[in-house]
Amino acid sequence: MQSIPTAKSTSEVTLNHTQCEKIVGIVSMMKPSAAFYRRPYLQGAGSHETQFRMHFFAVAICHQTYSLHHKAKNLFGWDFIEEVFLQLAADASPLLQPAWLAGASIDEIIALLSAAFAEDAACSLDRLPERAQLMQQAAEVLLRDFGGSVEMLFSTSHYQLINPQQSGLYHVMPHCEAFADPQQKKTTFLTKLLEDAGLVKIGDPENFIPIMDYHMQRVLLRTGCVEITDSTLRDQITRQQPLSTDEPLRSRCIEAMRLIASLSQQSVTRLNDIFWALGRSCCNHTLLCRDGHCEKSPCTLTQIYKIENHSQCVFQQICKGAADPEYQNLWEPRVQTHFY
């Protein structure tokens, strides 16, 4: 069997400060739409604890949702997850009950997940055993350490990411395998959602690790904010060849996002709403700069940000990929992971 190549050392993946500074000039001018932060999912359903659980378990299974879609409703990936989990909260579903999840068989959890994500009896949510196991193990941690309460988990952390007592979210959340990413993507994303919903306020936002998923890595590579200087690795990324690890490329992307946040004086969680949306719609298999339209209709970015004219990508004037097919053809690292 052919071995899977490993990503190269940090000297072969570099940060392009000049490109990051150009990005800053654009994101500093972008204004989010207030309606996006008032969408039904953030208004929630049920008690506070039900809302906490809705977000917690939705994020726990949100990774690599390439195939997830509801054609009739034009919902893909995270949008579909939001709709399903909002309904689960409204229905007081067993899928949001830690005691039921801990005591159920994996097949029972799979059956409810499959039904929840079904369209015409077909379910496009893949890797169901893995996602069911992640939900069950997370429920077991909640029951063992926090009386089954996600709200208690957050209050026990004193709404901090890191603290001397080792009770901060970045210390505790990795006890759940679903949130075990060393770069804390799901923990940061969950916390962002809870803040957007008005359920928590983090006391040490300076400790946030930028959310980094595959869409955002793709945008940072194509814009040239992060450069792959090793020709072999660049070829592997371009050809979407499977890799055994996404490091150090993902770490460099996180470093780039920290720099952009610092220079633009914007929070890393708000920047997520630009880069994720842009990668999801404007800079995916379909590129607005090349193809004249976005992957998603309506474009996710225009649903989040007020954009007068979207005939061009917001980064088009400074993006290396807008003019260079070699950058256009860059992709995110292809790794099998439940971290993002």
Protein backbone atom coordinates (compact mmCIF):
# COMPACT_ATOMS: atom_id res chain seq x y z
CA MET A 1 0.00 0.00 0.00
CA GLN A 2 1.31 3.45 -0.90
CA SER A 3 2.14 5.51 2.17
CA ILE A 4 0.38 8.82 2.74
CA PRO A 5 2.85 11.73 2.62
CA THR A 6 3.24 14.03 5.60
CA ALA A 7 3.14 17.82 5.42
CA LYS A 8 6.54 19.50 5.51
CA SER A 9 8.21 21.48 8.28
CA THR A 10 7.34 25.09 9.08
CA SER A 11 10.22 26.42 6.98
CA GLU A 12 8.33 25.21 3.91
CA VAL A 13 5.08 26.96 4.81
CA THR A 14 5.48 30.70 5.37
CA LEU A 15 3.42 33.71 6.35
CA ASN A 16 3.21 36.52 3.77
CA HIS A 17 2.93 39.69 5.89
CA THR A 18 2.42 41.93 2.87
CA GLN A 19 -0.61 40.00 1.68
CA CYS A 20 -2.07 39.91 5.18
CA GLU A 21 -1.71 43.69 5.40
CA LYS A 22 -3.55 44.08 2.09
CA ILE A 23 -6.39 41.94 3.42
CA VAL A 24 -6.59 44.17 6.50
CA GLY A 25 -7.41 47.19 4.35
CA ILE A 26 -10.50 45.40 3.03
CA VAL A 27 -11.86 43.59 6.10
CA SER A 28 -11.56 46.79 8.15
CA MET A 29 -14.20 48.36 5.89
CA MET A 30 -16.68 45.47 5.88
CA LYS A 31 -19.87 45.85 7.90
CA PRO A 32 -21.82 42.79 9.08
CA SER A 33 -25.57 42.55 8.70
CA ALA A 34 -27.37 42.62 12.05
CA ALA A 35 -30.02 40.25 10.66
CA PHE A 36 -27.48 37.43 10.42
CA TYR A 37 -26.99 37.52 14.18
CA ARG A 38 -30.76 37.49 14.73
CA ARG A 39 -31.39 34.35 12.67
CA PRO A 40 -33.73 31.71 14.18
CA TYR A 41 -30.93 29.37 15.24
CA LEU A 42 -29.43 32.04 17.50
CA GLN A 43 -32.84 32.84 18.99
CA GLY A 44 -33.04 29.23 20.12
CA ALA A 45 -35.89 27.12 21.41
CA GLY A 46 -36.67 25.86 24.89
CA SER A 47 -34.84 26.52 28.14
CA HIS A 48 -31.32 27.94 28.43
CA GLU A 49 -29.97 24.44 28.99
CA THR A 50 -31.78 23.17 25.88
CA GLN A 51 -30.20 25.96 23.87
CA PHE A 52 -26.75 25.19 25.30
CA ARG A 53 -27.18 21.52 24.39
CA MET A 54 -28.45 22.38 20.91
CA HIS A 55 -25.27 24.32 20.15
CA PHE A 56 -23.00 21.84 21.94
CA PHE A 57 -24.15 18.73 20.08
CA ALA A 58 -24.55 20.53 16.73
CA VAL A 59 -20.91 21.63 16.84
CA ALA A 60 -19.78 18.23 18.15
CA ILE A 61 -20.77 16.56 14.86
CA CYS A 62 -19.93 19.46 12.52
CA HIS A 63 -16.84 18.39 10.60
CA GLN A 64 -16.08 17.67 6.97
CA THR A 65 -19.72 17.90 5.87
CA TYR A 66 -18.81 17.78 2.18
CA SER A 67 -21.85 15.71 1.18
CA LEU A 68 -24.46 17.10 3.58
CA HIS A 69 -27.34 18.79 1.76
CA HIS A 70 -31.09 19.17 1.52
CA LYS A 71 -31.77 19.89 -2.14
CA ALA A 72 -35.40 20.93 -1.80
CA LYS A 73 -34.58 23.51 0.90
CA ASN A 74 -31.25 24.54 -0.70
CA LEU A 75 -29.42 23.83 2.55
CA PHE A 76 -25.81 22.67 2.71
CA GLY A 77 -23.43 21.75 5.51
CA TRP A 78 -23.74 23.97 8.56
CA ASP A 79 -26.99 25.60 7.39
CA PHE A 80 -28.65 22.17 7.35
CA ILE A 81 -27.21 21.35 10.78
CA GLU A 82 -28.66 24.60 12.17
CA GLU A 83 -32.14 23.79 10.88
CA VAL A 84 -32.06 20.21 12.17
CA PHE A 85 -30.79 21.06 15.65
CA LEU A 86 -33.20 23.95 16.06
CA GLN A 87 -36.00 21.47 15.36
CA LEU A 88 -34.48 18.91 17.73
CA ALA A 89 -34.53 21.57 20.46
CA ALA A 90 -38.15 22.48 19.71
CA ASP A 91 -39.12 18.79 19.83
CA ALA A 92 -37.15 18.03 23.03
CA SER A 93 -35.43 15.27 21.08
CA PRO A 94 -33.58 12.45 22.89
CA LEU A 95 -30.55 13.50 20.78
CA LEU A 96 -30.20 16.49 23.12
CA GLN A 97 -30.60 14.45 26.32
CA PRO A 98 -27.22 13.38 27.75
CA ALA A 99 -28.76 10.60 29.85
CA TRP A 100 -30.46 9.08 26.81
CA LEU A 101 -27.36 9.42 24.64
CA ALA A 102 -25.16 7.77 27.26
CA GLY A 103 -27.54 4.83 27.67
CA ALA A 104 -28.51 4.31 24.03
CA SER A 105 -26.80 1.99 21.60
CA ILE A 106 -24.83 3.54 18.75
CA ASP A 107 -27.38 2.08 16.32
CA GLU A 108 -30.20 3.86 18.17
CA ILE A 109 -28.36 7.20 17.95
CA ILE A 110 -27.61 6.60 14.27
CA ALA A 111 -31.28 5.90 13.57
CA LEU A 112 -32.40 9.21 15.09
CA LEU A 113 -29.61 11.16 13.37
CA SER A 114 -30.42 9.57 10.03
CA ALA A 115 -34.10 10.41 10.39
CA ALA A 116 -33.34 13.99 11.44
CA PHE A 117 -31.17 14.59 8.39
CA ALA A 118 -33.34 12.69 5.93
CA GLU A 119 -34.73 14.08 2.68
CA ASP A 120 -37.20 11.73 1.00
CA ALA A 121 -35.94 8.95 3.32
CA ALA A 122 -32.32 9.45 2.18
CA CYS A 123 -29.74 10.83 4.61
CA SER A 124 -26.72 12.72 3.26
CA LEU A 125 -25.00 13.01 6.64
CA ASP A 126 -22.06 10.63 6.32
CA ARG A 127 -19.77 8.96 8.88
CA LEU A 128 -22.81 8.34 11.08
CA PRO A 129 -21.15 5.83 13.46
CA GLU A 130 -18.32 8.27 14.12
CA ARG A 131 -20.67 11.19 14.76
CA ALA A 132 -22.92 9.06 16.98
CA GLN A 133 -19.94 7.93 19.04
CA LEU A 134 -18.74 11.53 19.45
CA MET A 135 -22.18 12.56 20.73
CA GLN A 136 -22.33 9.65 23.13
CA GLN A 137 -18.86 10.17 24.58
CA ALA A 138 -19.53 13.92 25.00
CA ALA A 139 -22.77 13.09 26.82
CA GLU A 140 -20.86 10.74 29.14
CA VAL A 141 -18.41 13.55 30.02
CA LEU A 142 -21.29 15.95 30.71
CA LEU A 143 -22.94 13.43 33.04
CA ARG A 144 -19.71 12.50 34.81
CA ASP A 145 -18.31 15.98 35.35
CA PHE A 146 -21.14 18.51 35.03
CA GLY A 147 -24.39 16.86 36.06
CA GLY A 148 -25.37 16.50 32.42
CA SER A 149 -25.44 20.29 31.96
CA VAL A 150 -23.61 22.21 29.23
CA GLU A 151 -24.52 25.43 31.02
CA MET A 152 -22.76 24.13 34.14
CA LEU A 153 -19.69 23.26 32.06
CA PHE A 154 -19.46 26.90 30.99
CA SER A 155 -20.19 28.34 34.44
CA THR A 156 -17.56 26.05 35.98
CA SER A 157 -15.03 27.50 33.53
CA HIS A 158 -15.91 30.96 34.89
CA TYR A 159 -16.48 31.81 31.21
CA GLN A 160 -12.75 31.74 30.57
CA LEU A 161 -10.77 29.98 27.88
CA ILE A 162 -7.66 29.59 30.03
CA ASN A 163 -7.22 30.06 33.77
CA PRO A 164 -4.78 29.02 36.53
CA GLN A 165 -7.29 26.55 37.96
CA GLN A 166 -7.15 24.52 34.70
CA SER A 167 -10.95 24.81 34.51
CA GLY A 168 -11.01 27.01 31.42
CA LEU A 169 -12.78 25.84 28.29
CA TYR A 170 -9.55 25.11 26.45
CA HIS A 171 -8.54 22.85 29.35
CA VAL A 172 -11.86 21.07 29.88
CA MET A 173 -13.52 20.75 26.48
CA PRO A 174 -10.86 18.38 25.06
CA HIS A 175 -12.09 15.77 27.57
CA CYS A 176 -14.82 15.33 24.97
CA GLU A 177 -13.27 13.62 21.96
CA ALA A 178 -15.41 15.75 19.64
CA PHE A 179 -13.59 18.83 20.99
CA ALA A 180 -10.10 17.30 21.22
CA ASP A 181 -8.53 19.39 18.42
CA PRO A 182 -5.26 20.88 19.76
CA GLN A 183 -6.13 24.04 17.83
CA GLN A 184 -9.54 24.17 19.56
CA LYS A 185 -11.61 24.85 16.42
CA LYS A 186 -14.86 23.36 17.68
CA THR A 187 -14.48 24.86 21.15
CA THR A 188 -13.92 28.32 19.73
CA PHE A 189 -16.78 27.91 17.27
CA LEU A 190 -19.16 26.70 19.98
CA THR A 191 -18.20 29.61 22.22
CA LYS A 192 -18.67 32.06 19.35
CA LEU A 193 -22.18 30.74 18.71
CA LEU A 194 -23.08 31.01 22.40
CA GLU A 195 -21.80 34.58 22.48
CA ASP A 196 -23.70 35.42 19.29
CA ALA A 197 -26.83 33.97 20.92
CA GLY A 198 -26.30 36.09 24.04
CA LEU A 199 -25.92 33.03 26.29
CA VAL A 200 -22.32 33.64 27.45
CA LYS A 201 -19.67 36.33 27.53
CA ILE A 202 -16.05 35.20 27.52
CA GLY A 203 -13.82 37.04 29.97
CA ASP A 204 -10.51 36.50 28.19
CA PRO A 205 -11.22 36.96 24.46
CA GLU A 206 -7.56 37.73 23.87
CA ASN A 207 -6.93 34.00 24.33
CA PHE A 208 -9.19 32.91 21.48
CA ILE A 209 -7.44 30.65 18.97
CA PRO A 210 -8.74 31.61 15.52
CA ILE A 211 -11.24 29.16 14.07
CA MET A 212 -9.51 27.33 11.24
CA ASP A 213 -11.38 24.96 8.95
CA TYR A 214 -10.80 23.81 5.39
CA HIS A 215 -12.66 26.70 3.73
CA MET A 216 -10.51 29.26 5.51
CA GLN A 217 -7.25 27.46 4.75
CA ARG A 218 -8.18 27.46 1.07
CA VAL A 219 -8.83 31.22 1.07
CA LEU A 220 -5.59 32.02 2.89
CA LEU A 221 -3.61 29.91 0.39
CA ARG A 222 -5.27 31.34 -2.71
CA THR A 223 -4.94 34.93 -1.54
CA GLY A 224 -1.26 34.32 -0.84
CA CYS A 225 -1.48 35.17 2.87
CA VAL A 226 0.12 31.77 3.50
CA GLU A 227 2.69 30.50 0.99
CA ILE A 228 3.79 26.92 0.39
CA THR A 229 7.45 27.22 -0.58
CA ASP A 230 8.10 23.48 -0.90
CA SER A 231 7.32 22.37 -4.46
CA THR A 232 6.41 18.80 -3.47
CA LEU A 233 3.92 19.87 -0.83
CA ARG A 234 2.48 22.52 -3.13
CA ASP A 235 1.91 19.87 -5.78
CA GLN A 236 0.26 17.55 -3.25
CA ILE A 237 -2.08 20.35 -2.16
CA THR A 238 -2.89 21.34 -5.74
CA ARG A 239 -3.66 17.75 -6.72
CA GLN A 240 -5.73 17.30 -3.53
CA GLN A 241 -3.58 14.34 -2.55
CA PRO A 242 -4.39 12.87 0.89
CA LEU A 243 -1.97 13.87 3.64
CA SER A 244 -1.46 12.28 7.04
CA THR A 245 -1.48 15.70 8.76
CA ASP A 246 -2.45 19.27 8.00
CA GLU A 247 0.34 20.64 10.16
CA PRO A 248 2.17 23.00 9.88
CA LEU A 249 -0.02 24.52 7.17
CA ARG A 250 -3.01 24.90 9.49
CA SER A 251 -0.85 26.51 12.18
CA ARG A 252 0.48 29.03 9.68
CA CYS A 253 -3.10 29.85 8.69
CA ILE A 254 -3.97 30.44 12.34
CA GLU A 255 -0.93 32.69 12.61
CA ALA A 256 -2.12 34.64 9.54
CA MET A 257 -5.57 35.09 11.06
CA ARG A 258 -4.08 36.33 14.32
CA LEU A 259 -2.05 38.91 12.38
CA ILE A 260 -5.05 40.08 10.35
CA ALA A 261 -7.16 40.36 13.52
CA SER A 262 -4.47 42.34 15.32
CA LEU A 263 -3.85 44.78 12.46
CA SER A 264 -7.54 45.26 11.69
CA GLN A 265 -8.54 45.44 15.38
CA GLN A 266 -11.29 42.95 14.72
CA SER A 267 -12.01 39.86 16.80
CA VAL A 268 -10.85 36.54 15.41
CA THR A 269 -14.40 35.22 15.80
CA ARG A 270 -15.83 37.99 13.60
CA LEU A 271 -13.14 37.39 10.98
CA ASN A 272 -14.38 33.80 10.83
CA ASP A 273 -17.64 35.10 9.39
CA ILE A 274 -15.75 36.67 6.48
CA PHE A 275 -13.24 33.98 5.61
CA TRP A 276 -15.51 30.98 6.18
CA ALA A 277 -18.34 32.50 4.16
CA LEU A 278 -16.02 33.56 1.37
CA GLY A 279 -14.42 30.12 1.14
CA ARG A 280 -17.78 28.40 1.26
CA SER A 281 -19.37 30.45 -1.52
CA CYS A 282 -16.99 32.73 -3.44
CA CYS A 283 -13.78 30.69 -3.44
CA ASN A 284 -14.63 27.01 -3.61
CA HIS A 285 -14.79 24.67 -6.62
CA THR A 286 -16.44 27.66 -8.27
CA LEU A 287 -14.52 30.93 -8.03
CA LEU A 288 -16.31 34.25 -8.37
CA CYS A 289 -13.17 35.86 -9.83
CA ARG A 290 -12.87 33.17 -12.53
CA ASP A 291 -16.39 31.89 -13.15
CA GLY A 292 -18.43 35.04 -12.60
CA HIS A 293 -20.70 33.51 -9.95
CA CYS A 294 -20.52 31.93 -6.50
CA GLU A 295 -20.78 28.30 -5.46
CA LYS A 296 -23.85 28.95 -3.31
CA SER A 297 -26.96 30.89 -4.26
CA PRO A 298 -27.61 33.04 -2.40
CA CYS A 299 -23.96 33.66 -1.61
CA THR A 300 -23.22 33.07 2.07
CA LEU A 301 -20.99 36.14 2.31
CA THR A 302 -23.75 38.47 1.11
CA GLN A 303 -26.06 37.00 3.75
CA ILE A 304 -23.62 37.97 6.49
CA TYR A 305 -22.09 41.21 5.19
CA LYS A 306 -23.53 44.27 3.51
CA ILE A 307 -22.06 44.19 0.00
CA GLU A 308 -23.42 46.67 -2.54
CA ASN A 309 -22.04 44.97 -5.65
CA HIS A 310 -20.98 41.34 -5.65
CA SER A 311 -19.96 40.99 -9.28
CA GLN A 312 -16.38 40.69 -7.99
CA CYS A 313 -14.87 38.94 -4.98
CA VAL A 314 -14.23 41.35 -2.12
CA PHE A 315 -10.52 40.38 -2.24
CA GLN A 316 -10.24 40.41 -6.03
CA GLN A 317 -8.02 43.49 -6.35
CA ILE A 318 -5.34 42.15 -4.03
CA CYS A 319 -5.74 38.36 -4.23
CA LYS A 320 -2.93 36.44 -5.95
CA GLY A 321 -5.41 33.81 -7.11
CA ALA A 322 -7.55 36.36 -8.95
CA ALA A 323 -4.86 36.68 -11.61
CA ASP A 324 -2.76 33.54 -11.27
CA PRO A 325 -4.19 30.06 -12.08
CA GLU A 326 -1.48 28.41 -9.96
CA TYR A 327 -2.96 30.06 -6.88
CA GLN A 328 -6.52 29.42 -8.06
CA ASN A 329 -5.75 25.70 -8.19
CA LEU A 330 -4.54 25.53 -4.59
CA TRP A 331 -6.78 23.55 -2.26
CA GLU A 332 -6.92 22.88 1.45
CA PRO A 333 -4.95 19.94 2.87
CA ARG A 334 -6.86 16.71 2.39
CA VAL A 335 -6.89 14.99 5.77
CA GLN A 336 -9.37 12.69 7.48
CA THR A 337 -10.27 14.41 10.74
CA HIS A 338 -13.14 15.18 13.08
CA PHE A 339 -11.43 18.34 14.30
CA TYR A 340 -13.06 20.57 11.65
